[in-house]
C-alpha cells in the first residue's frame, strides 16, 4: 500500500498479487479482478461517506 498527496488530496494505491500461486490459483486470481475492484470501490465509497460526516476541527 502506498500513500501520496496530490493537490491536497490523499491518493491510496493498493497492490495485491498472489505469492507462489499454482496455475489454478492464478487463474482464479485473474478471473476475480473485476469482483475485487468492485468490492474495494464500494468500501471506499462507504469510507468517503463516513468521512464526510465527521469534523476535522
PDB file of N, CA and C in Angstrom:
ATOM      1  N   UNK A   1       0.846  -1.156   0.000  1.00  0.00           N
ATOM      2  CA  UNK A   1       0.000   0.000   0.000  1.00  0.00           C
ATOM      3  C   UNK A   1       0.901   1.231   0.000  1.00  0.00           C
ATOM      4  N   UNK A   2       0.543   2.199  -0.822  1.00  0.00           N
ATOM      5  CA  UNK A   2       1.324   3.424  -0.951  1.00  0.00           C
ATOM      6  C   UNK A   2       0.399   4.613  -0.762  1.00  0.00           C
ATOM      7  N   UNK A   3       0.819   5.558   0.052  1.00  0.00           N
ATOM      8  CA  UNK A   3       0.067   6.797   0.242  1.00  0.00           C
ATOM      9  C   UNK A   3       0.853   7.935  -0.388  1.00  0.00           C
ATOM     10  N   UNK A   4       0.159   8.856  -1.020  1.00  0.00           N
ATOM     11  CA  UNK A   4       0.782  10.047  -1.582  1.00  0.00           C
ATOM     12  C   UNK A   4      -0.234  11.177  -1.496  1.00  0.00           C
ATOM     13  N   UNK A   5       0.220  12.375  -1.735  1.00  0.00           N
ATOM     14  CA  UNK A   5      -0.686  13.514  -1.734  1.00  0.00           C
ATOM     15  C   UNK A   5      -0.548  14.251  -3.052  1.00  0.00           C
ATOM     16  N   UNK A   6      -1.679  14.661  -3.600  1.00  0.00           N
ATOM     17  CA  UNK A   6      -1.695  15.397  -4.853  1.00  0.00           C
ATOM     18  C   UNK A   6      -2.800  16.430  -4.775  1.00  0.00           C
ATOM     19  N   UNK A   7      -2.431  17.677  -4.874  1.00  0.00           N
ATOM     20  CA  UNK A   7      -3.423  18.748  -4.840  1.00  0.00           C
ATOM     21  C   UNK A   7      -4.235  18.767  -3.561  1.00  0.00           C
ATOM     22  N   UNK A   8      -3.619  18.432  -2.435  1.00  0.00           N
ATOM     23  CA  UNK A   8      -4.318  18.448  -1.156  1.00  0.00           C
ATOM     24  C   UNK A   8      -5.180  17.229  -0.896  1.00  0.00           C
ATOM     25  N   UNK A   9      -5.127  16.249  -1.779  1.00  0.00           N
ATOM     26  CA  UNK A   9      -5.901  15.024  -1.597  1.00  0.00           C
ATOM     27  C   UNK A   9      -4.955  13.844  -1.452  1.00  0.00           C
ATOM     28  N   UNK A  10      -5.342  12.911  -0.601  1.00  0.00           N
ATOM     29  CA  UNK A  10      -4.550  11.710  -0.400  1.00  0.00           C
ATOM     30  C   UNK A  10      -4.885  10.693  -1.473  1.00  0.00           C
ATOM     31  N   UNK A  11      -3.858  10.120  -2.054  1.00  0.00           N
ATOM     32  CA  UNK A  11      -4.022   9.056  -3.040  1.00  0.00           C
ATOM     33  C   UNK A  11      -3.522   7.765  -2.396  1.00  0.00           C
ATOM     34  N   UNK A  12      -4.367   6.760  -2.378  1.00  0.00           N
ATOM     35  CA  UNK A  12      -4.023   5.466  -1.801  1.00  0.00           C
ATOM     36  C   UNK A  12      -3.946   4.455  -2.929  1.00  0.00           C
ATOM     37  N   UNK A  13      -2.798   3.831  -3.091  1.00  0.00           N
ATOM     38  CA  UNK A  13      -2.612   2.813  -4.117  1.00  0.00           C
ATOM     39  C   UNK A  13      -2.446   1.465  -3.431  1.00  0.00           C
ATOM     40  N   UNK A  14      -3.329   0.537  -3.738  1.00  0.00           N
ATOM     41  CA  UNK A  14      -3.280  -0.804  -3.156  1.00  0.00           C
ATOM     42  C   UNK A  14      -2.894  -1.773  -4.263  1.00  0.00           C
ATOM     43  N   UNK A  15      -1.852  -2.540  -4.014  1.00  0.00           N
ATOM     44  CA  UNK A  15      -1.380  -3.517  -4.988  1.00  0.00           C
ATOM     45  C   UNK A  15      -1.418  -4.883  -4.322  1.00  0.00           C
ATOM     46  N   UNK A  16      -2.091  -5.816  -4.952  1.00  0.00           N
ATOM     47  CA  UNK A  16      -2.175  -7.158  -4.392  1.00  0.00           C
ATOM     48  C   UNK A  16      -1.882  -8.182  -5.471  1.00  0.00           C
ATOM     49  N   UNK A  17      -1.226  -9.244  -5.083  1.00  0.00           N
ATOM     50  CA  UNK A  17      -0.911 -10.318  -6.018  1.00  0.00           C
ATOM     51  C   UNK A  17      -0.683 -11.598  -5.221  1.00  0.00           C
ATOM     52  N   UNK A  18      -0.995 -12.725  -5.822  1.00  0.00           N
ATOM     53  CA  UNK A  18      -0.756 -13.992  -5.131  1.00  0.00           C
ATOM     54  C   UNK A  18       0.746 -14.274  -5.016  1.00  0.00           C
ATOM     55  N   UNK A  19       1.108 -14.983  -3.967  1.00  0.00           N
ATOM     56  CA  UNK A  19       2.502 -15.363  -3.744  1.00  0.00           C
ATOM     57  C   UNK A  19       2.640 -16.847  -4.058  1.00  0.00           C
ATOM     58  N   UNK A  20       3.484 -17.160  -5.004  1.00  0.00           N
ATOM     59  CA  UNK A  20       3.747 -18.549  -5.415  1.00  0.00           C
ATOM     60  C   UNK A  20       2.459 -19.323  -5.705  1.00  0.00           C
ATOM     61  N   UNK A  21       1.607 -18.789  -6.569  1.00  0.00           N
ATOM     62  CA  UNK A  21       0.327 -19.466  -6.830  1.00  0.00           C
ATOM     63  C   UNK A  21       0.497 -20.680  -7.737  1.00  0.00           C
ATOM     64  N   UNK A  22      -0.402 -21.622  -7.563  1.00  0.00           N
ATOM     65  CA  UNK A  22      -0.475 -22.722  -8.526  1.00  0.00           C
ATOM     66  C   UNK A  22      -1.137 -22.167  -9.781  1.00  0.00           C
ATOM     67  N   UNK A  23      -1.153 -22.941 -10.844  1.00  0.00           N
ATOM     68  CA  UNK A  23      -1.789 -22.484 -12.079  1.00  0.00           C
ATOM     69  C   UNK A  23      -3.278 -22.200 -11.843  1.00  0.00           C
ATOM     70  N   UNK A  24      -3.935 -23.069 -11.080  1.00  0.00           N
ATOM     71  CA  UNK A  24      -5.350 -22.886 -10.781  1.00  0.00           C
ATOM     72  C   UNK A  24      -5.604 -21.669  -9.925  1.00  0.00           C
ATOM     73  N   UNK A  25      -4.737 -21.430  -8.947  1.00  0.00           N
ATOM     74  CA  UNK A  25      -4.879 -20.247  -8.098  1.00  0.00           C
ATOM     75  C   UNK A  25      -4.690 -18.966  -8.904  1.00  0.00           C
ATOM     76  N   UNK A  26      -3.745 -18.984  -9.831  1.00  0.00           N
ATOM     77  CA  UNK A  26      -3.501 -17.806 -10.663  1.00  0.00           C
ATOM     78  C   UNK A  26      -4.700 -17.548 -11.566  1.00  0.00           C
ATOM     79  N   UNK A  27      -5.286 -18.583 -12.089  1.00  0.00           N
ATOM     80  CA  UNK A  27      -6.470 -18.423 -12.929  1.00  0.00           C
ATOM     81  C   UNK A  27      -7.621 -17.823 -12.120  1.00  0.00           C
ATOM     82  N   UNK A  28      -7.822 -18.333 -10.901  1.00  0.00           N
ATOM     83  CA  UNK A  28      -8.869 -17.794 -10.028  1.00  0.00           C
ATOM     84  C   UNK A  28      -8.609 -16.335  -9.715  1.00  0.00           C
ATOM     85  N   UNK A  29      -7.364 -16.010  -9.421  1.00  0.00           N
ATOM     86  CA  UNK A  29      -6.984 -14.623  -9.129  1.00  0.00           C
ATOM     87  C   UNK A  29      -7.315 -13.719 -10.315  1.00  0.00           C
ATOM     88  N   UNK A  30      -6.899 -14.121 -11.495  1.00  0.00           N
ATOM     89  CA  UNK A  30      -7.133 -13.308 -12.683  1.00  0.00           C
ATOM     90  C   UNK A  30      -8.617 -13.147 -12.976  1.00  0.00           C
ATOM     91  N   UNK A  31      -9.391 -14.204 -12.778  1.00  0.00           N
ATOM     92  CA  UNK A  31     -10.821 -14.156 -13.053  1.00  0.00           C
ATOM     93  C   UNK A  31     -11.598 -13.328 -12.032  1.00  0.00           C
ATOM     94  N   UNK A  32     -11.014 -13.095 -10.880  1.00  0.00           N
ATOM     95  CA  UNK A  32     -11.733 -12.381  -9.811  1.00  0.00           C
ATOM     96  C   UNK A  32     -11.415 -10.887  -9.756  1.00  0.00           C
ATOM     97  N   UNK A  33     -10.581 -10.384 -10.639  1.00  0.00           N
ATOM     98  CA  UNK A  33     -10.136  -8.995 -10.557  1.00  0.00           C
ATOM     99  C   UNK A  33     -11.281  -7.988 -10.615  1.00  0.00           C
ATOM    100  N   UNK A  34     -12.244  -8.198 -11.476  1.00  0.00           N
ATOM    101  CA  UNK A  34     -13.366  -7.258 -11.569  1.00  0.00           C
ATOM    102  C   UNK A  34     -14.161  -7.235 -10.259  1.00  0.00           C
ATOM    103  N   UNK A  35     -14.392  -8.419  -9.683  1.00  0.00           N
ATOM    104  CA  UNK A  35     -15.133  -8.506  -8.436  1.00  0.00           C
ATOM    105  C   UNK A  35     -14.368  -7.817  -7.296  1.00  0.00           C
ATOM    106  N   UNK A  36     -13.064  -8.012  -7.258  1.00  0.00           N
ATOM    107  CA  UNK A  36     -12.236  -7.388  -6.224  1.00  0.00           C
ATOM    108  C   UNK A  36     -12.283  -5.864  -6.367  1.00  0.00           C
ATOM    109  N   UNK A  37     -12.163  -5.382  -7.590  1.00  0.00           N
ATOM    110  CA  UNK A  37     -12.217  -3.931  -7.827  1.00  0.00           C
ATOM    111  C   UNK A  37     -13.547  -3.353  -7.366  1.00  0.00           C
ATOM    112  N   UNK A  38     -14.635  -4.031  -7.683  1.00  0.00           N
ATOM    113  CA  UNK A  38     -15.955  -3.561  -7.260  1.00  0.00           C
ATOM    114  C   UNK A  38     -16.063  -3.547  -5.736  1.00  0.00           C
ATOM    115  N   UNK A  39     -15.510  -4.566  -5.087  1.00  0.00           N
ATOM    116  CA  UNK A  39     -15.555  -4.626  -3.627  1.00  0.00           C
ATOM    117  C   UNK A  39     -14.793  -3.482  -2.987  1.00  0.00           C
ATOM    118  N   UNK A  40     -13.578  -3.223  -3.476  1.00  0.00           N
ATOM    119  CA  UNK A  40     -12.798  -2.119  -2.933  1.00  0.00           C
ATOM    120  C   UNK A  40     -13.466  -0.787  -3.225  1.00  0.00           C
ATOM    121  N   UNK A  41     -14.028  -0.636  -4.410  1.00  0.00           N
ATOM    122  CA  UNK A  41     -14.702   0.616  -4.751  1.00  0.00           C
ATOM    123  C   UNK A  41     -15.852   0.884  -3.788  1.00  0.00           C
ATOM    124  N   UNK A  42     -16.645  -0.137  -3.510  1.00  0.00           N
ATOM    125  CA  UNK A  42     -17.751   0.015  -2.563  1.00  0.00           C
ATOM    126  C   UNK A  42     -17.277   0.370  -1.171  1.00  0.00           C
ATOM    127  N   UNK A  43     -16.178  -0.244  -0.762  1.00  0.00           N
ATOM    128  CA  UNK A  43     -15.610   0.039   0.557  1.00  0.00           C
ATOM    129  C   UNK A  43     -15.163   1.496   0.644  1.00  0.00           C
ATOM    130  N   UNK A  44     -14.509   1.990  -0.390  1.00  0.00           N
ATOM    131  CA  UNK A  44     -14.031   3.364  -0.363  1.00  0.00           C
ATOM    132  C   UNK A  44     -15.163   4.370  -0.488  1.00  0.00           C
ATOM    133  N   UNK A  45     -16.246   4.014  -1.146  1.00  0.00           N
ATOM    134  CA  UNK A  45     -17.428   4.883  -1.174  1.00  0.00           C
ATOM    135  C   UNK A  45     -17.981   5.013   0.244  1.00  0.00           C
ATOM    136  N   UNK A  46     -18.065   3.889   0.957  1.00  0.00           N
ATOM    137  CA  UNK A  46     -18.547   3.923   2.344  1.00  0.00           C
ATOM    138  C   UNK A  46     -17.624   4.766   3.214  1.00  0.00           C
ATOM    139  N   UNK A  47     -16.312   4.630   3.023  1.00  0.00           N
ATOM    140  CA  UNK A  47     -15.353   5.420   3.790  1.00  0.00           C
ATOM    141  C   UNK A  47     -15.533   6.909   3.494  1.00  0.00           C
ATOM    142  N   UNK A  48     -15.676   7.269   2.231  1.00  0.00           N
ATOM    143  CA  UNK A  48     -15.875   8.677   1.866  1.00  0.00           C
ATOM    144  C   UNK A  48     -17.149   9.217   2.487  1.00  0.00           C
ATOM    145  N   UNK A  49     -18.210   8.415   2.460  1.00  0.00           N
ATOM    146  CA  UNK A  49     -19.472   8.847   3.085  1.00  0.00           C
ATOM    147  C   UNK A  49     -19.278   9.100   4.577  1.00  0.00           C
ATOM    148  N   UNK A  50     -18.576   8.197   5.257  1.00  0.00           N
ATOM    149  CA  UNK A  50     -18.322   8.359   6.686  1.00  0.00           C
ATOM    150  C   UNK A  50     -17.476   9.605   6.944  1.00  0.00           C
ATOM    151  N   UNK A  51     -16.400   9.762   6.186  1.00  0.00           N
ATOM    152  CA  UNK A  51     -15.510  10.888   6.415  1.00  0.00           C
ATOM    153  C   UNK A  51     -16.220  12.228   6.196  1.00  0.00           C
ATOM    154  N   UNK A  52     -17.226  12.238   5.340  1.00  0.00           N
ATOM    155  CA  UNK A  52     -17.955  13.481   5.096  1.00  0.00           C
ATOM    156  C   UNK A  52     -18.847  13.861   6.269  1.00  0.00           C
ATOM    157  N   UNK A  53     -19.028  12.944   7.225  1.00  0.00           N
ATOM    158  CA  UNK A  53     -19.898  13.221   8.366  1.00  0.00           C
ATOM    159  C   UNK A  53     -19.148  13.655   9.617  1.00  0.00           C
ATOM    160  N   UNK A  54     -17.817  13.567   9.610  1.00  0.00           N
ATOM    161  CA  UNK A  54     -17.051  13.903  10.804  1.00  0.00           C
ATOM    162  C   UNK A  54     -16.386  15.268  10.678  1.00  0.00           C
ATOM    163  N   UNK A  55     -16.096  15.865  11.808  1.00  0.00           N
ATOM    164  CA  UNK A  55     -15.474  17.172  11.855  1.00  0.00           C
ATOM    165  C   UNK A  55     -13.963  17.010  11.984  1.00  0.00           C
ATOM    166  N   UNK A  56     -13.227  17.869  11.314  1.00  0.00           N
ATOM    167  CA  UNK A  56     -11.762  17.831  11.355  1.00  0.00           C
ATOM    168  C   UNK A  56     -11.193  18.949  12.207  1.00  0.00           C
ATOM    169  N   UNK A  57     -12.015  19.585  13.013  1.00  0.00           N
ATOM    170  CA  UNK A  57     -11.553  20.716  13.842  1.00  0.00           C
ATOM    171  C   UNK A  57     -10.645  20.261  14.934  1.00  0.00           C
TER     172      UNK A  57
END
